[in-house]
């Protein structure tokens, strides 16, 4: 898991682990933690103009 203090939208890369695509940090190369992944998903949806699911 990534231990970076703050992950920005542009610091995320996608890697293939087995048959699953996992968001990972470009700085350290480790997969994002659950909190970081959920924040990235929210930022991505906001950037693309989709509303949050309620």
PDB file of N, CA and C in Angstrom:
ATOM      1  N   UNK A   1       0.826  -1.185   0.000  1.00  0.00           N
ATOM      2  CA  UNK A   1       0.000   0.000   0.000  1.00  0.00           C
ATOM      3  C   UNK A   1       0.871   1.250   0.000  1.00  0.00           C
ATOM      4  N   UNK A   2       0.377   2.268  -0.635  1.00  0.00           N
ATOM      5  CA  UNK A   2       1.091   3.535  -0.743  1.00  0.00           C
ATOM      6  C   UNK A   2       1.064   4.264   0.604  1.00  0.00           C
ATOM      7  N   UNK A   3       2.211   4.774   1.008  1.00  0.00           N
ATOM      8  CA  UNK A   3       2.311   5.510   2.269  1.00  0.00           C
ATOM      9  C   UNK A   3       2.542   6.999   2.050  1.00  0.00           C
ATOM     10  N   UNK A   4       2.380   7.476   0.814  1.00  0.00           N
ATOM     11  CA  UNK A   4       2.579   8.897   0.525  1.00  0.00           C
ATOM     12  C   UNK A   4       1.526   9.720   1.270  1.00  0.00           C
ATOM     13  N   UNK A   5       1.943  10.883   1.749  1.00  0.00           N
ATOM     14  CA  UNK A   5       1.055  11.712   2.569  1.00  0.00           C
ATOM     15  C   UNK A   5      -0.156  12.212   1.781  1.00  0.00           C
ATOM     16  N   UNK A   6       0.075  12.688   0.561  1.00  0.00           N
ATOM     17  CA  UNK A   6      -1.022  13.237  -0.222  1.00  0.00           C
ATOM     18  C   UNK A   6      -0.859  12.811  -1.675  1.00  0.00           C
ATOM     19  N   UNK A   7      -1.926  12.302  -2.244  1.00  0.00           N
ATOM     20  CA  UNK A   7      -1.926  11.871  -3.632  1.00  0.00           C
ATOM     21  C   UNK A   7      -2.747  12.873  -4.434  1.00  0.00           C
ATOM     22  N   UNK A   8      -2.156  13.418  -5.474  1.00  0.00           N
ATOM     23  CA  UNK A   8      -2.858  14.330  -6.362  1.00  0.00           C
ATOM     24  C   UNK A   8      -3.423  13.549  -7.542  1.00  0.00           C
ATOM     25  N   UNK A   9      -4.353  14.147  -8.244  1.00  0.00           N
ATOM     26  CA  UNK A   9      -5.015  13.510  -9.378  1.00  0.00           C
ATOM     27  C   UNK A   9      -4.006  13.028 -10.419  1.00  0.00           C
ATOM     28  N   UNK A  10      -2.957  13.806 -10.646  1.00  0.00           N
ATOM     29  CA  UNK A  10      -1.984  13.471 -11.690  1.00  0.00           C
ATOM     30  C   UNK A  10      -0.870  12.548 -11.204  1.00  0.00           C
ATOM     31  N   UNK A  11      -0.891  12.142  -9.949  1.00  0.00           N
ATOM     32  CA  UNK A  11       0.118  11.228  -9.399  1.00  0.00           C
ATOM     33  C   UNK A  11      -0.330   9.774  -9.455  1.00  0.00           C
ATOM     34  N   UNK A  12      -1.451   9.500 -10.119  1.00  0.00           N
ATOM     35  CA  UNK A  12      -1.995   8.141 -10.135  1.00  0.00           C
ATOM     36  C   UNK A  12      -1.772   7.509 -11.505  1.00  0.00           C
ATOM     37  N   UNK A  13      -1.309   6.270 -11.481  1.00  0.00           N
ATOM     38  CA  UNK A  13      -1.078   5.475 -12.677  1.00  0.00           C
ATOM     39  C   UNK A  13      -1.839   4.168 -12.495  1.00  0.00           C
ATOM     40  N   UNK A  14      -2.110   3.460 -13.550  1.00  0.00           N
ATOM     41  CA  UNK A  14      -2.826   2.194 -13.457  1.00  0.00           C
ATOM     42  C   UNK A  14      -1.909   1.053 -13.852  1.00  0.00           C
ATOM     43  N   UNK A  15      -1.892   0.010 -13.025  1.00  0.00           N
ATOM     44  CA  UNK A  15      -1.068  -1.170 -13.287  1.00  0.00           C
ATOM     45  C   UNK A  15      -1.944  -2.412 -13.272  1.00  0.00           C
ATOM     46  N   UNK A  16      -1.490  -3.420 -13.980  1.00  0.00           N
ATOM     47  CA  UNK A  16      -2.210  -4.682 -14.043  1.00  0.00           C
ATOM     48  C   UNK A  16      -1.610  -5.647 -13.034  1.00  0.00           C
ATOM     49  N   UNK A  17      -2.413  -6.065 -12.059  1.00  0.00           N
ATOM     50  CA  UNK A  17      -2.016  -7.059 -11.062  1.00  0.00           C
ATOM     51  C   UNK A  17      -2.876  -8.293 -11.295  1.00  0.00           C
ATOM     52  N   UNK A  18      -2.296  -9.312 -11.909  1.00  0.00           N
ATOM     53  CA  UNK A  18      -3.081 -10.489 -12.271  1.00  0.00           C
ATOM     54  C   UNK A  18      -4.051 -10.109 -13.371  1.00  0.00           C
ATOM     55  N   UNK A  19      -5.330 -10.260 -13.109  1.00  0.00           N
ATOM     56  CA  UNK A  19      -6.361  -9.879 -14.080  1.00  0.00           C
ATOM     57  C   UNK A  19      -7.122  -8.637 -13.622  1.00  0.00           C
ATOM     58  N   UNK A  20      -6.537  -7.869 -12.728  1.00  0.00           N
ATOM     59  CA  UNK A  20      -7.212  -6.707 -12.153  1.00  0.00           C
ATOM     60  C   UNK A  20      -6.370  -5.455 -12.384  1.00  0.00           C
ATOM     61  N   UNK A  21      -7.012  -4.374 -12.816  1.00  0.00           N
ATOM     62  CA  UNK A  21      -6.336  -3.090 -12.980  1.00  0.00           C
ATOM     63  C   UNK A  21      -6.445  -2.336 -11.663  1.00  0.00           C
ATOM     64  N   UNK A  22      -5.293  -1.904 -11.135  1.00  0.00           N
ATOM     65  CA  UNK A  22      -5.244  -1.286  -9.819  1.00  0.00           C
ATOM     66  C   UNK A  22      -4.617   0.102  -9.934  1.00  0.00           C
ATOM     67  N   UNK A  23      -5.260   1.143  -9.353  1.00  0.00           N
ATOM     68  CA  UNK A  23      -4.620   2.460  -9.338  1.00  0.00           C
ATOM     69  C   UNK A  23      -3.413   2.432  -8.410  1.00  0.00           C
ATOM     70  N   UNK A  24      -2.310   3.004  -8.877  1.00  0.00           N
ATOM     71  CA  UNK A  24      -1.092   3.016  -8.069  1.00  0.00           C
ATOM     72  C   UNK A  24      -0.442   4.391  -8.131  1.00  0.00           C
ATOM     73  N   UNK A  25       0.408   4.658  -7.170  1.00  0.00           N
ATOM     74  CA  UNK A  25       1.097   5.938  -7.042  1.00  0.00           C
ATOM     75  C   UNK A  25       2.287   5.970  -8.002  1.00  0.00           C
ATOM     76  N   UNK A  26       2.429   7.061  -8.761  1.00  0.00           N
ATOM     77  CA  UNK A  26       3.569   7.194  -9.667  1.00  0.00           C
ATOM     78  C   UNK A  26       4.863   7.425  -8.903  1.00  0.00           C
ATOM     79  N   UNK A  27       4.774   8.014  -7.712  1.00  0.00           N
ATOM     80  CA  UNK A  27       5.979   8.349  -6.953  1.00  0.00           C
ATOM     81  C   UNK A  27       6.651   7.117  -6.366  1.00  0.00           C
ATOM     82  N   UNK A  28       5.887   6.238  -5.726  1.00  0.00           N
ATOM     83  CA  UNK A  28       6.482   5.068  -5.068  1.00  0.00           C
ATOM     84  C   UNK A  28       6.183   3.761  -5.792  1.00  0.00           C
ATOM     85  N   UNK A  29       5.172   3.739  -6.664  1.00  0.00           N
ATOM     86  CA  UNK A  29       4.846   2.545  -7.423  1.00  0.00           C
ATOM     87  C   UNK A  29       3.945   1.559  -6.715  1.00  0.00           C
ATOM     88  N   UNK A  30       3.561   1.841  -5.480  1.00  0.00           N
ATOM     89  CA  UNK A  30       2.709   0.932  -4.715  1.00  0.00           C
ATOM     90  C   UNK A  30       1.234   1.211  -5.001  1.00  0.00           C
ATOM     91  N   UNK A  31       0.371   0.194  -4.846  1.00  0.00           N
ATOM     92  CA  UNK A  31      -1.075   0.417  -5.017  1.00  0.00           C
ATOM     93  C   UNK A  31      -1.604   1.397  -3.969  1.00  0.00           C
ATOM     94  N   UNK A  32      -2.653   2.131  -4.341  1.00  0.00           N
ATOM     95  CA  UNK A  32      -3.256   3.086  -3.416  1.00  0.00           C
ATOM     96  C   UNK A  32      -3.996   2.351  -2.305  1.00  0.00           C
ATOM     97  N   UNK A  33      -4.043   2.976  -1.136  1.00  0.00           N
ATOM     98  CA  UNK A  33      -4.835   2.426  -0.036  1.00  0.00           C
ATOM     99  C   UNK A  33      -6.313   2.658  -0.345  1.00  0.00           C
ATOM    100  N   UNK A  34      -7.184   2.074   0.444  1.00  0.00           N
ATOM    101  CA  UNK A  34      -8.631   2.205   0.221  1.00  0.00           C
ATOM    102  C   UNK A  34      -9.078   3.665   0.288  1.00  0.00           C
ATOM    103  N   UNK A  35      -8.566   4.420   1.267  1.00  0.00           N
ATOM    104  CA  UNK A  35      -8.935   5.832   1.411  1.00  0.00           C
ATOM    105  C   UNK A  35      -8.454   6.647   0.215  1.00  0.00           C
ATOM    106  N   UNK A  36      -7.218   6.405  -0.211  1.00  0.00           N
ATOM    107  CA  UNK A  36      -6.669   7.126  -1.351  1.00  0.00           C
ATOM    108  C   UNK A  36      -7.429   6.775  -2.632  1.00  0.00           C
ATOM    109  N   UNK A  37      -7.792   5.512  -2.802  1.00  0.00           N
ATOM    110  CA  UNK A  37      -8.517   5.078  -3.995  1.00  0.00           C
ATOM    111  C   UNK A  37      -9.910   5.699  -4.047  1.00  0.00           C
ATOM    112  N   UNK A  38     -10.596   5.778  -2.912  1.00  0.00           N
ATOM    113  CA  UNK A  38     -11.933   6.383  -2.905  1.00  0.00           C
ATOM    114  C   UNK A  38     -11.851   7.881  -3.173  1.00  0.00           C
ATOM    115  N   UNK A  39     -10.835   8.557  -2.635  1.00  0.00           N
ATOM    116  CA  UNK A  39     -10.650   9.989  -2.908  1.00  0.00           C
ATOM    117  C   UNK A  39     -10.339  10.213  -4.385  1.00  0.00           C
ATOM    118  N   UNK A  40      -9.503   9.344  -4.962  1.00  0.00           N
ATOM    119  CA  UNK A  40      -9.175   9.456  -6.381  1.00  0.00           C
ATOM    120  C   UNK A  40     -10.422   9.260  -7.242  1.00  0.00           C
ATOM    121  N   UNK A  41     -11.267   8.297  -6.881  1.00  0.00           N
ATOM    122  CA  UNK A  41     -12.495   8.046  -7.629  1.00  0.00           C
ATOM    123  C   UNK A  41     -13.412   9.263  -7.582  1.00  0.00           C
ATOM    124  N   UNK A  42     -13.539   9.882  -6.412  1.00  0.00           N
ATOM    125  CA  UNK A  42     -14.367  11.089  -6.278  1.00  0.00           C
ATOM    126  C   UNK A  42     -13.812  12.226  -7.125  1.00  0.00           C
ATOM    127  N   UNK A  43     -12.485  12.424  -7.095  1.00  0.00           N
ATOM    128  CA  UNK A  43     -11.858  13.476  -7.896  1.00  0.00           C
ATOM    129  C   UNK A  43     -12.045  13.219  -9.389  1.00  0.00           C
ATOM    130  N   UNK A  44     -11.934  11.967  -9.796  1.00  0.00           N
ATOM    131  CA  UNK A  44     -12.090  11.602 -11.199  1.00  0.00           C
ATOM    132  C   UNK A  44     -13.514  11.854 -11.675  1.00  0.00           C
ATOM    133  N   UNK A  45     -14.495  11.464 -10.879  1.00  0.00           N
ATOM    134  CA  UNK A  45     -15.896  11.688 -11.239  1.00  0.00           C
ATOM    135  C   UNK A  45     -16.207  13.184 -11.317  1.00  0.00           C
ATOM    136  N   UNK A  46     -15.644  13.962 -10.402  1.00  0.00           N
ATOM    137  CA  UNK A  46     -15.834  15.412 -10.404  1.00  0.00           C
ATOM    138  C   UNK A  46     -15.182  16.026 -11.645  1.00  0.00           C
ATOM    139  N   UNK A  47     -13.993  15.553 -11.990  1.00  0.00           N
ATOM    140  CA  UNK A  47     -13.265  16.063 -13.153  1.00  0.00           C
ATOM    141  C   UNK A  47     -14.013  15.756 -14.448  1.00  0.00           C
ATOM    142  N   UNK A  48     -14.616  14.573 -14.540  1.00  0.00           N
ATOM    143  CA  UNK A  48     -15.354  14.175 -15.733  1.00  0.00           C
ATOM    144  C   UNK A  48     -16.747  14.785 -15.791  1.00  0.00           C
ATOM    145  N   UNK A  49     -17.223  15.389 -14.697  1.00  0.00           N
ATOM    146  CA  UNK A  49     -18.514  16.060 -14.691  1.00  0.00           C
ATOM    147  C   UNK A  49     -19.691  15.187 -14.295  1.00  0.00           C
ATOM    148  N   UNK A  50     -19.438  14.026 -13.707  1.00  0.00           N
ATOM    149  CA  UNK A  50     -20.517  13.162 -13.233  1.00  0.00           C
ATOM    150  C   UNK A  50     -20.872  13.535 -11.803  1.00  0.00           C
ATOM    151  N   UNK A  51     -22.147  13.361 -11.464  1.00  0.00           N
ATOM    152  CA  UNK A  51     -22.574  13.624 -10.094  1.00  0.00           C
ATOM    153  C   UNK A  51     -22.271  12.418  -9.227  1.00  0.00           C
ATOM    154  N   UNK A  52     -22.089  12.671  -7.931  1.00  0.00           N
ATOM    155  CA  UNK A  52     -21.831  11.584  -6.988  1.00  0.00           C
ATOM    156  C   UNK A  52     -23.064  10.715  -6.834  1.00  0.00           C
ATOM    157  N   UNK A  53     -22.814   9.402  -6.681  1.00  0.00           N
ATOM    158  CA  UNK A  53     -23.921   8.487  -6.416  1.00  0.00           C
ATOM    159  C   UNK A  53     -24.325   8.616  -4.958  1.00  0.00           C
ATOM    160  N   UNK A  54     -25.631   8.626  -4.706  1.00  0.00           N
ATOM    161  CA  UNK A  54     -26.106   8.784  -3.329  1.00  0.00           C
ATOM    162  C   UNK A  54     -26.774   7.537  -2.864  1.00  0.00           C
TER     163      UNK A  54
END
